[in-house]
PDB file of N, CA and C in Angstrom:
ATOM      1  N   MET A   1       3.087   6.512  19.584  1.00  0.00           N
ATOM      2  CA  MET A   1       1.720   6.029  19.622  1.00  0.00           C
ATOM      3  C   MET A   1       0.965   6.510  18.401  1.00  0.00           C
ATOM      4  N   MET A   2       0.048   5.705  17.979  1.00  0.00           N
ATOM      5  CA  MET A   2      -0.756   6.039  16.819  1.00  0.00           C
ATOM      6  C   MET A   2      -1.957   6.856  17.254  1.00  0.00           C
ATOM      7  N   ASP A   3      -2.088   8.050  16.702  1.00  0.00           N
ATOM      8  CA  ASP A   3      -3.243   8.884  16.999  1.00  0.00           C
ATOM      9  C   ASP A   3      -4.210   8.801  15.832  1.00  0.00           C
ATOM     10  N   GLY A   4      -5.421   8.347  16.100  1.00  0.00           N
ATOM     11  CA  GLY A   4      -6.423   8.288  15.048  1.00  0.00           C
ATOM     12  C   GLY A   4      -6.312   7.036  14.208  1.00  0.00           C
ATOM     13  N   PHE A   5      -6.840   7.137  13.016  1.00  0.00           N
ATOM     14  CA  PHE A   5      -6.939   6.002  12.104  1.00  0.00           C
ATOM     15  C   PHE A   5      -5.929   6.179  10.982  1.00  0.00           C
ATOM     16  N   ALA A   6      -4.804   5.505  11.076  1.00  0.00           N
ATOM     17  CA  ALA A   6      -3.737   5.631  10.080  1.00  0.00           C
ATOM     18  C   ALA A   6      -3.856   4.484   9.071  1.00  0.00           C
ATOM     19  N   ILE A   7      -4.435   4.777   7.922  1.00  0.00           N
ATOM     20  CA  ILE A   7      -4.687   3.756   6.908  1.00  0.00           C
ATOM     21  C   ILE A   7      -3.413   3.033   6.471  1.00  0.00           C
ATOM     22  N   PRO A   8      -2.286   3.715   6.250  1.00  0.00           N
ATOM     23  CA  PRO A   8      -1.080   2.964   5.849  1.00  0.00           C
ATOM     24  C   PRO A   8      -0.672   1.896   6.861  1.00  0.00           C
ATOM     25  N   LEU A   9      -0.824   2.157   8.142  1.00  0.00           N
ATOM     26  CA  LEU A   9      -0.470   1.156   9.145  1.00  0.00           C
ATOM     27  C   LEU A   9      -1.415  -0.035   9.083  1.00  0.00           C
ATOM     28  N   TRP A  10      -2.681   0.211   8.815  1.00  0.00           N
ATOM     29  CA  TRP A  10      -3.648  -0.878   8.660  1.00  0.00           C
ATOM     30  C   TRP A  10      -3.283  -1.735   7.451  1.00  0.00           C
ATOM     31  N   ILE A  11      -2.807  -1.100   6.398  1.00  0.00           N
ATOM     32  CA  ILE A  11      -2.416  -1.840   5.202  1.00  0.00           C
ATOM     33  C   ILE A  11      -1.203  -2.722   5.500  1.00  0.00           C
ATOM     34  N   TYR A  12      -0.231  -2.183   6.230  1.00  0.00           N
ATOM     35  CA  TYR A  12       0.936  -2.996   6.600  1.00  0.00           C
ATOM     36  C   TYR A  12       0.521  -4.175   7.482  1.00  0.00           C
ATOM     37  N   ALA A  13      -0.393  -3.962   8.404  1.00  0.00           N
ATOM     38  CA  ALA A  13      -0.874  -5.063   9.245  1.00  0.00           C
ATOM     39  C   ALA A  13      -1.587  -6.102   8.389  1.00  0.00           C
ATOM     40  N   ALA A  14      -2.400  -5.648   7.433  1.00  0.00           N
ATOM     41  CA  ALA A  14      -3.112  -6.573   6.548  1.00  0.00           C
ATOM     42  C   ALA A  14      -2.135  -7.390   5.713  1.00  0.00           C
ATOM     43  N   VAL A  15      -1.079  -6.762   5.226  1.00  0.00           N
ATOM     44  CA  VAL A  15      -0.071  -7.488   4.447  1.00  0.00           C
ATOM     45  C   VAL A  15       0.608  -8.536   5.329  1.00  0.00           C
ATOM     46  N   GLY A  16       0.904  -8.174   6.571  1.00  0.00           N
ATOM     47  CA  GLY A  16       1.501  -9.135   7.493  1.00  0.00           C
ATOM     48  C   GLY A  16       0.591 -10.336   7.733  1.00  0.00           C
ATOM     49  N   VAL A  17      -0.706 -10.063   7.906  1.00  0.00           N
ATOM     50  CA  VAL A  17      -1.674 -11.145   8.090  1.00  0.00           C
ATOM     51  C   VAL A  17      -1.704 -12.036   6.854  1.00  0.00           C
ATOM     52  N   LEU A  18      -1.766 -11.437   5.680  1.00  0.00           N
ATOM     53  CA  LEU A  18      -1.884 -12.210   4.443  1.00  0.00           C
ATOM     54  C   LEU A  18      -0.625 -13.009   4.105  1.00  0.00           C
ATOM     55  N   VAL A  19       0.548 -12.460   4.401  1.00  0.00           N
ATOM     56  CA  VAL A  19       1.800 -13.170   4.102  1.00  0.00           C
ATOM     57  C   VAL A  19       1.856 -14.491   4.857  1.00  0.00           C
ATOM     58  N   LEU A  20       1.633 -14.435   6.149  1.00  0.00           N
ATOM     59  CA  LEU A  20       1.711 -15.660   6.931  1.00  0.00           C
ATOM     60  C   LEU A  20       0.499 -16.553   6.677  1.00  0.00           C
ATOM     61  N   TRP A  21      -0.645 -15.966   6.348  1.00  0.00           N
ATOM     62  CA  TRP A  21      -1.842 -16.742   5.997  1.00  0.00           C
ATOM     63  C   TRP A  21      -1.539 -17.624   4.778  1.00  0.00           C
ATOM     64  N   CYS A  22      -0.965 -17.027   3.759  1.00  0.00           N
ATOM     65  CA  CYS A  22      -0.637 -17.781   2.533  1.00  0.00           C
ATOM     66  C   CYS A  22       0.360 -18.893   2.824  1.00  0.00           C
ATOM     67  N   LYS A  23       1.341 -18.597   3.645  1.00  0.00           N
ATOM     68  CA  LYS A  23       2.330 -19.609   3.999  1.00  0.00           C
ATOM     69  C   LYS A  23       1.676 -20.754   4.788  1.00  0.00           C
ATOM     70  N   SER A  24       0.775 -20.420   5.686  1.00  0.00           N
ATOM     71  CA  SER A  24       0.086 -21.435   6.478  1.00  0.00           C
ATOM     72  C   SER A  24      -0.822 -22.295   5.612  1.00  0.00           C
ATOM     73  N   LYS A  25      -1.526 -21.672   4.682  1.00  0.00           N
ATOM     74  CA  LYS A  25      -2.424 -22.423   3.805  1.00  0.00           C
ATOM     75  C   LYS A  25      -1.632 -23.335   2.868  1.00  0.00           C
ATOM     76  N   ALA A  26      -0.446 -22.923   2.485  1.00  0.00           N
ATOM     77  CA  ALA A  26       0.398 -23.765   1.634  1.00  0.00           C
ATOM     78  C   ALA A  26       0.790 -25.049   2.366  1.00  0.00           C
ATOM     79  N   LYS A  27       0.832 -24.982   3.682  1.00  0.00           N
ATOM     80  CA  LYS A  27       1.143 -26.160   4.494  1.00  0.00           C
ATOM     81  C   LYS A  27      -0.130 -26.852   4.980  1.00  0.00           C
ATOM     82  N   SER A  28      -1.282 -26.473   4.410  1.00  0.00           N
ATOM     83  CA  SER A  28      -2.598 -27.056   4.739  1.00  0.00           C
ATOM     84  C   SER A  28      -2.966 -26.878   6.205  1.00  0.00           C
ATOM     85  N   ARG A  29      -2.636 -25.744   6.741  1.00  0.00           N
ATOM     86  CA  ARG A  29      -3.010 -25.432   8.123  1.00  0.00           C
ATOM     87  C   ARG A  29      -4.309 -24.646   8.129  1.00  0.00           C
ATOM     88  N   GLY A  30      -5.041 -24.759   9.220  1.00  0.00           N
ATOM     89  CA  GLY A  30      -6.268 -23.997   9.389  1.00  0.00           C
ATOM     90  C   GLY A  30      -6.117 -23.017  10.527  1.00  0.00           C
ATOM     91  N   VAL A  31      -7.205 -22.368  10.841  1.00  0.00           N
ATOM     92  CA  VAL A  31      -7.223 -21.391  11.919  1.00  0.00           C
ATOM     93  C   VAL A  31      -8.078 -21.953  13.043  1.00  0.00           C
ATOM     94  N   TYR A  32      -7.597 -21.849  14.270  1.00  0.00           N
ATOM     95  CA  TYR A  32      -8.374 -22.319  15.410  1.00  0.00           C
ATOM     96  C   TYR A  32      -9.775 -21.731  15.354  1.00  0.00           C
ATOM     97  N   ALA A  33     -10.781 -22.568  15.421  1.00  0.00           N
ATOM     98  CA  ALA A  33     -12.196 -22.223  15.475  1.00  0.00           C
ATOM     99  C   ALA A  33     -12.737 -21.606  14.189  1.00  0.00           C
ATOM    100  N   LEU A  34     -12.058 -20.653  13.568  1.00  0.00           N
ATOM    101  CA  LEU A  34     -12.604 -19.975  12.398  1.00  0.00           C
ATOM    102  C   LEU A  34     -12.827 -20.940  11.240  1.00  0.00           C
ATOM    103  N   THR A  35     -11.877 -21.811  10.970  1.00  0.00           N
ATOM    104  CA  THR A  35     -12.026 -22.771   9.881  1.00  0.00           C
ATOM    105  C   THR A  35     -13.246 -23.655  10.115  1.00  0.00           C
ATOM    106  N   ASP A  36     -13.439 -24.106  11.334  1.00  0.00           N
ATOM    107  CA  ASP A  36     -14.587 -24.962  11.664  1.00  0.00           C
ATOM    108  C   ASP A  36     -15.906 -24.207  11.533  1.00  0.00           C
ATOM    109  N   ILE A  37     -15.922 -22.956  11.949  1.00  0.00           N
ATOM    110  CA  ILE A  37     -17.140 -22.146  11.852  1.00  0.00           C
ATOM    111  C   ILE A  37     -17.507 -21.893  10.394  1.00  0.00           C
ATOM    112  N   VAL A  38     -16.526 -21.537   9.589  1.00  0.00           N
ATOM    113  CA  VAL A  38     -16.786 -21.313   8.163  1.00  0.00           C
ATOM    114  C   VAL A  38     -17.268 -22.604   7.512  1.00  0.00           C
ATOM    115  N   ASN A  39     -16.693 -23.738   7.890  1.00  0.00           N
ATOM    116  CA  ASN A  39     -17.125 -25.022   7.333  1.00  0.00           C
ATOM    117  C   ASN A  39     -18.575 -25.335   7.678  1.00  0.00           C
ATOM    118  N   LEU A  40     -19.052 -24.869   8.827  1.00  0.00           N
ATOM    119  CA  LEU A  40     -20.444 -25.086   9.213  1.00  0.00           C
ATOM    120  C   LEU A  40     -21.413 -24.284   8.346  1.00  0.00           C
ATOM    121  N   PHE A  41     -21.020 -23.073   7.984  1.00  0.00           N
ATOM    122  CA  PHE A  41     -21.937 -22.173   7.298  1.00  0.00           C
ATOM    123  C   PHE A  41     -21.817 -22.179   5.774  1.00  0.00           C
ATOM    124  N   VAL A  42     -20.692 -22.633   5.248  1.00  0.00           N
ATOM    125  CA  VAL A  42     -20.504 -22.673   3.800  1.00  0.00           C
ATOM    126  C   VAL A  42     -20.313 -24.134   3.397  1.00  0.00           C
ATOM    127  N   PRO A  43     -21.253 -24.671   2.606  1.00  0.00           N
ATOM    128  CA  PRO A  43     -21.169 -26.089   2.223  1.00  0.00           C
ATOM    129  C   PRO A  43     -19.878 -26.428   1.472  1.00  0.00           C
ATOM    130  N   ALA A  44     -19.478 -27.678   1.552  1.00  0.00           N
ATOM    131  CA  ALA A  44     -18.232 -28.146   0.928  1.00  0.00           C
ATOM    132  C   ALA A  44     -18.235 -27.957  -0.584  1.00  0.00           C
ATOM    133  N   LYS A  45     -19.400 -27.972  -1.208  1.00  0.00           N
ATOM    134  CA  LYS A  45     -19.436 -27.824  -2.664  1.00  0.00           C
ATOM    135  C   LYS A  45     -19.052 -26.417  -3.119  1.00  0.00           C
ATOM    136  N   TYR A  46     -18.991 -25.475  -2.188  1.00  0.00           N
ATOM    137  CA  TYR A  46     -18.566 -24.108  -2.491  1.00  0.00           C
ATOM    138  C   TYR A  46     -17.175 -23.852  -1.921  1.00  0.00           C
ATOM    139  N   ALA A  47     -16.217 -24.645  -2.310  1.00  0.00           N
ATOM    140  CA  ALA A  47     -14.872 -24.582  -1.742  1.00  0.00           C
ATOM    141  C   ALA A  47     -14.205 -23.231  -1.982  1.00  0.00           C
ATOM    142  N   LYS A  48     -14.352 -22.661  -3.173  1.00  0.00           N
ATOM    143  CA  LYS A  48     -13.738 -21.359  -3.452  1.00  0.00           C
ATOM    144  C   LYS A  48     -14.376 -20.269  -2.601  1.00  0.00           C
ATOM    145  N   THR A  49     -15.700 -20.319  -2.479  1.00  0.00           N
ATOM    146  CA  THR A  49     -16.397 -19.341  -1.649  1.00  0.00           C
ATOM    147  C   THR A  49     -15.978 -19.491  -0.196  1.00  0.00           C
ATOM    148  N   ARG A  50     -15.839 -20.727   0.240  1.00  0.00           N
ATOM    149  CA  ARG A  50     -15.410 -20.996   1.618  1.00  0.00           C
ATOM    150  C   ARG A  50     -14.043 -20.380   1.889  1.00  0.00           C
ATOM    151  N   ALA A  51     -13.116 -20.545   0.956  1.00  0.00           N
ATOM    152  CA  ALA A  51     -11.767 -19.993   1.123  1.00  0.00           C
ATOM    153  C   ALA A  51     -11.802 -18.467   1.159  1.00  0.00           C
ATOM    154  N   ILE A  52     -12.604 -17.865   0.297  1.00  0.00           N
ATOM    155  CA  ILE A  52     -12.698 -16.402   0.259  1.00  0.00           C
ATOM    156  C   ILE A  52     -13.316 -15.858   1.543  1.00  0.00           C
ATOM    157  N   VAL A  53     -14.381 -16.486   2.008  1.00  0.00           N
ATOM    158  CA  VAL A  53     -15.034 -16.054   3.248  1.00  0.00           C
ATOM    159  C   VAL A  53     -14.070 -16.173   4.419  1.00  0.00           C
ATOM    160  N   GLU A  54     -13.338 -17.275   4.462  1.00  0.00           N
ATOM    161  CA  GLU A  54     -12.407 -17.484   5.571  1.00  0.00           C
ATOM    162  C   GLU A  54     -11.303 -16.429   5.584  1.00  0.00           C
ATOM    163  N   VAL A  55     -10.725 -16.130   4.431  1.00  0.00           N
ATOM    164  CA  VAL A  55      -9.633 -15.157   4.405  1.00  0.00           C
ATOM    165  C   VAL A  55     -10.146 -13.744   4.710  1.00  0.00           C
ATOM    166  N   ILE A  56     -11.340 -13.402   4.248  1.00  0.00           N
ATOM    167  CA  ILE A  56     -11.889 -12.072   4.539  1.00  0.00           C
ATOM    168  C   ILE A  56     -12.182 -11.927   6.027  1.00  0.00           C
ATOM    169  N   CYS A  57     -12.815 -12.937   6.618  1.00  0.00           N
ATOM    170  CA  CYS A  57     -13.080 -12.895   8.065  1.00  0.00           C
ATOM    171  C   CYS A  57     -11.786 -12.820   8.855  1.00  0.00           C
ATOM    172  N   TYR A  58     -10.828 -13.644   8.463  1.00  0.00           N
ATOM    173  CA  TYR A  58      -9.554 -13.687   9.172  1.00  0.00           C
ATOM    174  C   TYR A  58      -8.801 -12.369   9.051  1.00  0.00           C
ATOM    175  N   LEU A  59      -8.835 -11.793   7.868  1.00  0.00           N
ATOM    176  CA  LEU A  59      -8.164 -10.519   7.641  1.00  0.00           C
ATOM    177  C   LEU A  59      -8.787  -9.411   8.488  1.00  0.00           C
ATOM    178  N   CYS A  60     -10.103  -9.367   8.530  1.00  0.00           N
ATOM    179  CA  CYS A  60     -10.789  -8.339   9.332  1.00  0.00           C
ATOM    180  C   CYS A  60     -10.481  -8.497  10.817  1.00  0.00           C
ATOM    181  N   ILE A  61     -10.616  -9.714  11.316  1.00  0.00           N
ATOM    182  CA  ILE A  61     -10.337  -9.966  12.727  1.00  0.00           C
ATOM    183  C   ILE A  61      -8.866  -9.697  13.038  1.00  0.00           C
ATOM    184  N   GLY A  62      -7.974 -10.163  12.167  1.00  0.00           N
ATOM    185  CA  GLY A  62      -6.540  -9.980  12.386  1.00  0.00           C
ATOM    186  C   GLY A  62      -6.131  -8.523  12.428  1.00  0.00           C
ATOM    187  N   CYS A  63      -6.632  -7.745  11.499  1.00  0.00           N
ATOM    188  CA  CYS A  63      -6.283  -6.317  11.482  1.00  0.00           C
ATOM    189  C   CYS A  63      -6.841  -5.597  12.702  1.00  0.00           C
ATOM    190  N   LEU A  64      -8.093  -5.887  13.037  1.00  0.00           N
ATOM    191  CA  LEU A  64      -8.691  -5.226  14.202  1.00  0.00           C
ATOM    192  C   LEU A  64      -7.928  -5.544  15.479  1.00  0.00           C
ATOM    193  N   LEU A  65      -7.606  -6.805  15.680  1.00  0.00           N
ATOM    194  CA  LEU A  65      -6.890  -7.175  16.905  1.00  0.00           C
ATOM    195  C   LEU A  65      -5.439  -6.700  16.902  1.00  0.00           C
ATOM    196  N   ALA A  66      -4.761  -6.869  15.793  1.00  0.00           N
ATOM    197  CA  ALA A  66      -3.359  -6.445  15.722  1.00  0.00           C
ATOM    198  C   ALA A  66      -3.231  -4.939  15.931  1.00  0.00           C
ATOM    199  N   MET A  67      -4.091  -4.184  15.287  1.00  0.00           N
ATOM    200  CA  MET A  67      -4.018  -2.720  15.410  1.00  0.00           C
ATOM    201  C   MET A  67      -4.598  -2.232  16.739  1.00  0.00           C
ATOM    202  N   GLY A  68      -5.659  -2.859  17.185  1.00  0.00           N
ATOM    203  CA  GLY A  68      -6.311  -2.411  18.413  1.00  0.00           C
ATOM    204  C   GLY A  68      -5.551  -2.750  19.671  1.00  0.00           C
ATOM    205  N   ILE A  69      -4.999  -3.936  19.735  1.00  0.00           N
ATOM    206  CA  ILE A  69      -4.302  -4.372  20.945  1.00  0.00           C
ATOM    207  C   ILE A  69      -2.872  -3.859  20.986  1.00  0.00           C
ATOM    208  N   LEU A  70      -2.162  -3.978  19.877  1.00  0.00           N
ATOM    209  CA  LEU A  70      -0.739  -3.623  19.879  1.00  0.00           C
ATOM    210  C   LEU A  70      -0.479  -2.148  19.589  1.00  0.00           C
ATOM    211  N   ASN A  71      -1.414  -1.487  18.908  1.00  0.00           N
ATOM    212  CA  ASN A  71      -1.308  -0.055  18.626  1.00  0.00           C
ATOM    213  C   ASN A  71       0.062   0.324  18.044  1.00  0.00           C
ATOM    214  N   PRO A  72       0.420  -0.259  16.890  1.00  0.00           N
ATOM    215  CA  PRO A  72       1.743   0.014  16.313  1.00  0.00           C
ATOM    216  C   PRO A  72       1.883   1.455  15.841  1.00  0.00           C
ATOM    217  N   ALA A  73       3.097   1.961  15.921  1.00  0.00           N
ATOM    218  CA  ALA A  73       3.361   3.348  15.531  1.00  0.00           C
ATOM    219  C   ALA A  73       4.142   3.453  14.231  1.00  0.00           C
ATOM    220  N   THR A  74       4.750   2.368  13.782  1.00  0.00           N
ATOM    221  CA  THR A  74       5.545   2.381  12.556  1.00  0.00           C
ATOM    222  C   THR A  74       5.070   1.264  11.630  1.00  0.00           C
ATOM    223  N   PRO A  75       5.388   1.365  10.340  1.00  0.00           N
ATOM    224  CA  PRO A  75       5.009   0.289   9.415  1.00  0.00           C
ATOM    225  C   PRO A  75       5.588  -1.069   9.811  1.00  0.00           C
ATOM    226  N   GLY A  76       6.812  -1.081  10.281  1.00  0.00           N
ATOM    227  CA  GLY A  76       7.426  -2.345  10.701  1.00  0.00           C
ATOM    228  C   GLY A  76       6.687  -2.981  11.865  1.00  0.00           C
ATOM    229  N   GLN A  77       6.274  -2.172  12.801  1.00  0.00           N
ATOM    230  CA  GLN A  77       5.513  -2.690  13.937  1.00  0.00           C
ATOM    231  C   GLN A  77       4.159  -3.221  13.488  1.00  0.00           C
ATOM    232  N   ALA A  78       3.513  -2.516  12.560  1.00  0.00           N
ATOM    233  CA  ALA A  78       2.210  -2.951  12.059  1.00  0.00           C
ATOM    234  C   ALA A  78       2.337  -4.276  11.312  1.00  0.00           C
ATOM    235  N   PHE A  79       3.367  -4.397  10.477  1.00  0.00           N
ATOM    236  CA  PHE A  79       3.607  -5.638   9.743  1.00  0.00           C
ATOM    237  C   PHE A  79       3.863  -6.785  10.718  1.00  0.00           C
ATOM    238  N   ALA A  80       4.694  -6.550  11.708  1.00  0.00           N
ATOM    239  CA  ALA A  80       4.990  -7.574  12.709  1.00  0.00           C
ATOM    240  C   ALA A  80       3.741  -7.943  13.513  1.00  0.00           C
ATOM    241  N   ALA A  81       2.884  -6.976  13.782  1.00  0.00           N
ATOM    242  CA  ALA A  81       1.638  -7.257  14.501  1.00  0.00           C
ATOM    243  C   ALA A  81       0.759  -8.189  13.680  1.00  0.00           C
ATOM    244  N   GLY A  82       0.680  -7.959  12.373  1.00  0.00           N
ATOM    245  CA  GLY A  82      -0.092  -8.851  11.511  1.00  0.00           C
ATOM    246  C   GLY A  82       0.495 -10.247  11.449  1.00  0.00           C
ATOM    247  N   LEU A  83       1.817 -10.330  11.347  1.00  0.00           N
ATOM    248  CA  LEU A  83       2.480 -11.650  11.359  1.00  0.00           C
ATOM    249  C   LEU A  83       2.233 -12.365  12.687  1.00  0.00           C
ATOM    250  N   GLY A  84       2.359 -11.626  13.761  1.00  0.00           N
ATOM    251  CA  GLY A  84       2.195 -12.227  15.097  1.00  0.00           C
ATOM    252  C   GLY A  84       0.808 -12.788  15.313  1.00  0.00           C
ATOM    253  N   PHE A  85      -0.201 -12.037  14.885  1.00  0.00           N
ATOM    254  CA  PHE A  85      -1.584 -12.516  15.045  1.00  0.00           C
ATOM    255  C   PHE A  85      -1.778 -13.814  14.287  1.00  0.00           C
ATOM    256  N   THR A  86      -1.300 -13.845  13.069  1.00  0.00           N
ATOM    257  CA  THR A  86      -1.464 -15.037  12.245  1.00  0.00           C
ATOM    258  C   THR A  86      -0.700 -16.222  12.844  1.00  0.00           C
ATOM    259  N   GLY A  87       0.505 -15.967  13.304  1.00  0.00           N
ATOM    260  CA  GLY A  87       1.306 -17.030  13.900  1.00  0.00           C
ATOM    261  C   GLY A  87       0.673 -17.620  15.142  1.00  0.00           C
ATOM    262  N   LEU A  88      -0.006 -16.803  15.923  1.00  0.00           N
ATOM    263  CA  LEU A  88      -0.641 -17.280  17.151  1.00  0.00           C
ATOM    264  C   LEU A  88      -1.909 -18.084  16.904  1.00  0.00           C
ATOM    265  N   THR A  89      -2.604 -17.789  15.823  1.00  0.00           N
ATOM    266  CA  THR A  89      -3.922 -18.382  15.645  1.00  0.00           C
ATOM    267  C   THR A  89      -3.995 -19.529  14.639  1.00  0.00           C
ATOM    268  N   THR A  90      -2.922 -19.803  13.913  1.00  0.00           N
ATOM    269  CA  THR A  90      -2.968 -20.925  12.975  1.00  0.00           C
ATOM    270  C   THR A  90      -2.505 -22.197  13.668  1.00  0.00           C
ATOM    271  N   ARG A  91      -3.062 -23.311  13.207  1.00  0.00           N
ATOM    272  CA  ARG A  91      -2.707 -24.609  13.811  1.00  0.00           C
ATOM    273  C   ARG A  91      -2.091 -25.504  12.793  1.00  0.00           C
TER     274      ARG A  91
END
């Protein structure tokens, strides 16, 4: 079990989130609800800003949920938790 705030495990979870995020975006996939919410608040003319806001929000939510719910104890578990979160929430 992870005791306290282990920054390296958070980094592994973040890498897991980003790896599958990039793969999903390459296939033009979005995220359930988050993509639609970001589209409401960031106008289409700011496409780069929209992409940055979406990935930052997704990364924060993904790391918090992956680390908080699964409570990984090893780097491999943290990486898999990040991959799993991304796999569950992309459409």
